[in-house]
N, C-alpha and C. Protein backbone atom coordinates (compact mmCIF):
# COMPACT_ATOMS: atom_id res chain seq x y z
N MET A 1 22.17 -6.93 -32.33
CA MET A 1 23.08 -6.96 -31.21
C MET A 1 23.06 -8.37 -30.64
N SER A 2 24.21 -8.92 -30.41
CA SER A 2 24.26 -10.28 -29.87
C SER A 2 23.93 -10.29 -28.39
N SER A 3 23.44 -11.42 -27.94
CA SER A 3 23.06 -11.52 -26.52
C SER A 3 24.30 -11.46 -25.63
N LYS A 4 25.43 -11.95 -26.13
CA LYS A 4 26.67 -11.91 -25.34
C LYS A 4 27.09 -10.45 -25.09
N LEU A 5 27.04 -9.64 -26.14
CA LEU A 5 27.40 -8.23 -26.00
C LEU A 5 26.41 -7.52 -25.08
N ALA A 6 25.15 -7.86 -25.20
CA ALA A 6 24.13 -7.24 -24.35
C ALA A 6 24.38 -7.57 -22.88
N LYS A 7 24.67 -8.83 -22.58
CA LYS A 7 24.94 -9.21 -21.19
C LYS A 7 26.19 -8.53 -20.65
N GLN A 8 27.25 -8.47 -21.48
CA GLN A 8 28.49 -7.83 -21.04
C GLN A 8 28.27 -6.36 -20.74
N SER A 9 27.54 -5.68 -21.62
CA SER A 9 27.34 -4.25 -21.41
C SER A 9 26.45 -3.98 -20.21
N LEU A 10 25.45 -4.81 -20.00
CA LEU A 10 24.59 -4.63 -18.83
C LEU A 10 25.36 -4.91 -17.54
N ASP A 11 26.21 -5.94 -17.55
CA ASP A 11 27.04 -6.23 -16.38
C ASP A 11 28.00 -5.07 -16.10
N ALA A 12 28.58 -4.51 -17.16
CA ALA A 12 29.50 -3.39 -16.99
C ALA A 12 28.79 -2.20 -16.37
N LEU A 13 27.57 -1.98 -16.77
CA LEU A 13 26.81 -0.87 -16.22
C LEU A 13 26.49 -1.09 -14.75
N LEU A 14 26.10 -2.30 -14.41
CA LEU A 14 25.73 -2.59 -13.03
C LEU A 14 26.94 -2.60 -12.09
N LYS A 15 28.10 -3.01 -12.58
CA LYS A 15 29.29 -3.09 -11.74
C LYS A 15 30.01 -1.75 -11.61
N ALA A 16 29.74 -0.83 -12.52
CA ALA A 16 30.43 0.46 -12.49
C ALA A 16 30.00 1.23 -11.25
N THR A 17 30.97 1.66 -10.48
CA THR A 17 30.68 2.43 -9.27
C THR A 17 31.46 3.73 -9.32
N ALA A 18 30.94 4.71 -8.64
CA ALA A 18 31.62 6.00 -8.59
C ALA A 18 32.85 5.88 -7.71
N THR A 19 33.94 6.50 -8.13
CA THR A 19 35.17 6.48 -7.34
C THR A 19 35.05 7.49 -6.22
N PRO A 20 35.58 7.19 -5.03
CA PRO A 20 35.50 8.14 -3.92
C PRO A 20 36.33 9.39 -4.20
N VAL A 21 35.82 10.52 -3.76
CA VAL A 21 36.49 11.80 -3.97
C VAL A 21 37.49 12.00 -2.84
N SER A 22 38.72 12.35 -3.19
CA SER A 22 39.73 12.58 -2.16
C SER A 22 39.50 13.93 -1.49
N ALA A 23 40.06 14.11 -0.31
CA ALA A 23 39.85 15.34 0.48
C ALA A 23 40.45 16.55 -0.22
N SER A 24 41.58 16.38 -0.89
CA SER A 24 42.22 17.52 -1.54
C SER A 24 41.40 18.02 -2.72
N SER A 25 40.80 17.11 -3.47
CA SER A 25 40.01 17.55 -4.62
C SER A 25 38.66 18.11 -4.18
N ALA A 26 38.16 17.68 -3.04
CA ALA A 26 36.87 18.17 -2.55
C ALA A 26 37.00 19.60 -2.05
N SER A 27 38.15 19.95 -1.47
CA SER A 27 38.32 21.29 -0.92
C SER A 27 38.58 22.33 -2.01
N SER A 28 39.17 21.93 -3.10
CA SER A 28 39.47 22.88 -4.16
C SER A 28 38.22 23.16 -4.98
N THR A 29 38.10 24.40 -5.46
CA THR A 29 36.94 24.76 -6.27
C THR A 29 37.29 24.54 -7.74
N VAL A 30 36.50 23.71 -8.38
CA VAL A 30 36.72 23.39 -9.79
C VAL A 30 35.39 23.55 -10.50
N ASN A 31 35.45 24.09 -11.71
CA ASN A 31 34.19 24.25 -12.44
C ASN A 31 33.65 22.88 -12.87
N PRO A 32 32.34 22.76 -13.06
CA PRO A 32 31.72 21.46 -13.34
C PRO A 32 32.21 20.81 -14.64
N LYS A 33 32.59 21.61 -15.62
CA LYS A 33 33.04 21.02 -16.89
C LYS A 33 34.32 20.23 -16.70
N SER A 34 35.26 20.75 -15.92
CA SER A 34 36.51 20.03 -15.72
C SER A 34 36.28 18.76 -14.89
N LYS A 35 35.31 18.78 -13.97
CA LYS A 35 34.98 17.57 -13.22
C LYS A 35 34.44 16.50 -14.15
N LYS A 36 33.60 16.94 -15.08
CA LYS A 36 33.01 16.00 -16.03
C LYS A 36 34.10 15.35 -16.88
N ILE A 37 35.05 16.14 -17.33
CA ILE A 37 36.15 15.61 -18.13
C ILE A 37 37.00 14.65 -17.30
N ALA A 38 37.25 14.99 -16.03
CA ALA A 38 38.04 14.12 -15.16
C ALA A 38 37.33 12.78 -14.96
N LYS A 39 36.02 12.79 -14.83
CA LYS A 39 35.28 11.55 -14.67
C LYS A 39 35.40 10.68 -15.91
N GLN A 40 35.42 11.29 -17.08
CA GLN A 40 35.52 10.52 -18.32
C GLN A 40 36.89 9.88 -18.48
N LYS A 41 37.92 10.48 -17.92
CA LYS A 41 39.27 9.97 -18.09
C LYS A 41 39.71 9.01 -16.99
N ASP A 42 38.84 8.70 -16.03
CA ASP A 42 39.26 7.92 -14.88
C ASP A 42 39.45 6.43 -15.17
N GLY A 43 39.07 5.95 -16.33
CA GLY A 43 39.33 4.56 -16.68
C GLY A 43 38.25 3.58 -16.29
N ARG A 44 37.07 4.06 -15.94
CA ARG A 44 35.97 3.14 -15.64
C ARG A 44 35.53 2.45 -16.92
N LEU A 45 34.93 1.28 -16.75
CA LEU A 45 34.38 0.59 -17.89
C LEU A 45 33.16 1.35 -18.39
N ARG A 46 33.08 1.53 -19.66
CA ARG A 46 31.96 2.24 -20.26
C ARG A 46 31.15 1.27 -21.11
N LEU A 47 29.88 1.58 -21.25
CA LEU A 47 29.02 0.78 -22.13
C LEU A 47 29.39 1.05 -23.58
N PRO A 48 29.25 0.05 -24.42
CA PRO A 48 29.47 0.31 -25.84
C PRO A 48 28.36 1.22 -26.37
N LYS A 49 28.68 2.03 -27.34
CA LYS A 49 27.69 2.94 -27.89
C LYS A 49 26.70 2.15 -28.74
N THR A 50 25.45 2.29 -28.42
CA THR A 50 24.40 1.61 -29.18
C THR A 50 23.40 2.65 -29.65
N LYS A 51 22.61 2.27 -30.62
CA LYS A 51 21.64 3.22 -31.17
C LYS A 51 20.58 3.58 -30.15
N THR A 52 19.99 2.59 -29.52
CA THR A 52 18.86 2.88 -28.65
C THR A 52 19.18 2.77 -27.17
N GLY A 53 20.38 2.37 -26.83
CA GLY A 53 20.79 2.38 -25.44
C GLY A 53 20.35 1.18 -24.63
N LEU A 54 20.12 1.41 -23.36
CA LEU A 54 19.85 0.33 -22.42
C LEU A 54 18.55 -0.41 -22.69
N LYS A 55 17.54 0.29 -23.22
CA LYS A 55 16.29 -0.40 -23.51
C LYS A 55 16.52 -1.52 -24.51
N MET A 56 17.37 -1.25 -25.51
CA MET A 56 17.67 -2.27 -26.52
C MET A 56 18.41 -3.44 -25.89
N ILE A 57 19.33 -3.16 -24.99
CA ILE A 57 20.10 -4.22 -24.34
C ILE A 57 19.19 -5.10 -23.50
N LYS A 58 18.33 -4.49 -22.70
CA LYS A 58 17.42 -5.26 -21.85
C LYS A 58 16.45 -6.07 -22.70
N HIS A 59 15.95 -5.48 -23.77
CA HIS A 59 15.02 -6.19 -24.64
C HIS A 59 15.71 -7.38 -25.30
N GLU A 60 16.95 -7.20 -25.72
CA GLU A 60 17.69 -8.29 -26.35
C GLU A 60 17.90 -9.44 -25.38
N ILE A 61 18.20 -9.12 -24.13
CA ILE A 61 18.40 -10.17 -23.13
C ILE A 61 17.10 -10.93 -22.90
N ARG A 62 15.99 -10.19 -22.83
CA ARG A 62 14.71 -10.84 -22.55
C ARG A 62 14.16 -11.62 -23.73
N TYR A 63 14.17 -11.01 -24.92
CA TYR A 63 13.42 -11.57 -26.04
C TYR A 63 14.28 -11.97 -27.23
N GLY A 64 15.55 -11.71 -27.21
CA GLY A 64 16.41 -11.97 -28.37
C GLY A 64 16.46 -13.42 -28.77
N ARG A 65 16.51 -14.32 -27.79
CA ARG A 65 16.60 -15.75 -28.08
C ARG A 65 15.34 -16.24 -28.77
N HIS A 66 14.19 -15.73 -28.35
CA HIS A 66 12.93 -16.16 -28.92
C HIS A 66 12.83 -15.76 -30.39
N GLN A 67 13.26 -14.55 -30.71
CA GLN A 67 13.22 -14.10 -32.10
C GLN A 67 14.16 -14.95 -32.95
N ARG A 68 15.33 -15.26 -32.42
CA ARG A 68 16.30 -16.05 -33.17
C ARG A 68 15.74 -17.44 -33.47
N LEU A 69 15.12 -18.07 -32.46
CA LEU A 69 14.55 -19.40 -32.66
C LEU A 69 13.38 -19.36 -33.63
N LYS A 70 12.56 -18.33 -33.54
CA LYS A 70 11.41 -18.20 -34.45
C LYS A 70 11.90 -18.05 -35.89
N ASN A 71 12.92 -17.22 -36.11
CA ASN A 71 13.47 -17.05 -37.46
C ASN A 71 14.07 -18.34 -37.98
N GLN A 72 14.75 -19.09 -37.11
CA GLN A 72 15.33 -20.37 -37.51
C GLN A 72 14.24 -21.34 -37.92
N ARG A 73 13.19 -21.40 -37.12
CA ARG A 73 12.08 -22.31 -37.40
C ARG A 73 11.41 -21.97 -38.73
N GLU A 74 11.18 -20.68 -38.98
CA GLU A 74 10.58 -20.26 -40.24
C GLU A 74 11.48 -20.60 -41.42
N LYS A 75 12.78 -20.44 -41.23
CA LYS A 75 13.73 -20.74 -42.30
C LYS A 75 13.70 -22.22 -42.66
N THR A 76 13.68 -23.09 -41.65
CA THR A 76 13.64 -24.53 -41.92
C THR A 76 12.31 -24.91 -42.56
N GLU A 77 11.20 -24.28 -42.13
CA GLU A 77 9.90 -24.57 -42.75
C GLU A 77 9.90 -24.14 -44.22
N ASN A 78 10.51 -23.00 -44.52
CA ASN A 78 10.58 -22.54 -45.91
C ASN A 78 11.44 -23.45 -46.75
N ASN A 79 12.48 -24.03 -46.16
CA ASN A 79 13.32 -24.98 -46.90
C ASN A 79 12.54 -26.25 -47.20
N ILE A 80 11.72 -26.68 -46.27
CA ILE A 80 10.92 -27.88 -46.47
C ILE A 80 9.80 -27.61 -47.46
N ASN A 81 9.12 -26.49 -47.29
CA ASN A 81 7.97 -26.14 -48.11
C ASN A 81 8.18 -24.74 -48.69
N PRO A 82 8.90 -24.61 -49.82
CA PRO A 82 9.28 -23.29 -50.33
C PRO A 82 8.11 -22.40 -50.76
N LEU A 83 6.97 -22.98 -51.08
CA LEU A 83 5.83 -22.16 -51.49
C LEU A 83 5.13 -21.51 -50.30
N GLY A 84 5.30 -22.04 -49.13
CA GLY A 84 4.69 -21.48 -47.94
C GLY A 84 3.25 -21.87 -47.76
N THR A 85 2.77 -22.80 -48.58
CA THR A 85 1.38 -23.24 -48.43
C THR A 85 1.30 -24.29 -47.34
N PRO A 86 0.23 -24.28 -46.57
CA PRO A 86 0.13 -25.27 -45.49
C PRO A 86 -0.06 -26.68 -46.04
N ARG A 87 0.54 -27.62 -45.38
CA ARG A 87 0.40 -29.02 -45.78
C ARG A 87 -0.87 -29.58 -45.18
N LEU A 88 -1.56 -30.40 -45.94
CA LEU A 88 -2.80 -31.00 -45.45
C LEU A 88 -2.62 -32.44 -45.09
């Protein structure tokens, strides 16, 4: 997951707010399933579907850059010294 996508999805989650309930809908009795469907159709920004959810997004924001740099460094070292033996 890219760090840009992770930041966007976390921002979308933090900015998403519940819409106020109007007086007419509050007075009418509606079963919970139809309320749930109405909430899904209201047009709020939703997080992209990910395998592990928010933990993965937060972890990517915190540690993703470090892993990328470490992998880059290892790749350049392997290009310089393909056998992987330490230089003396």
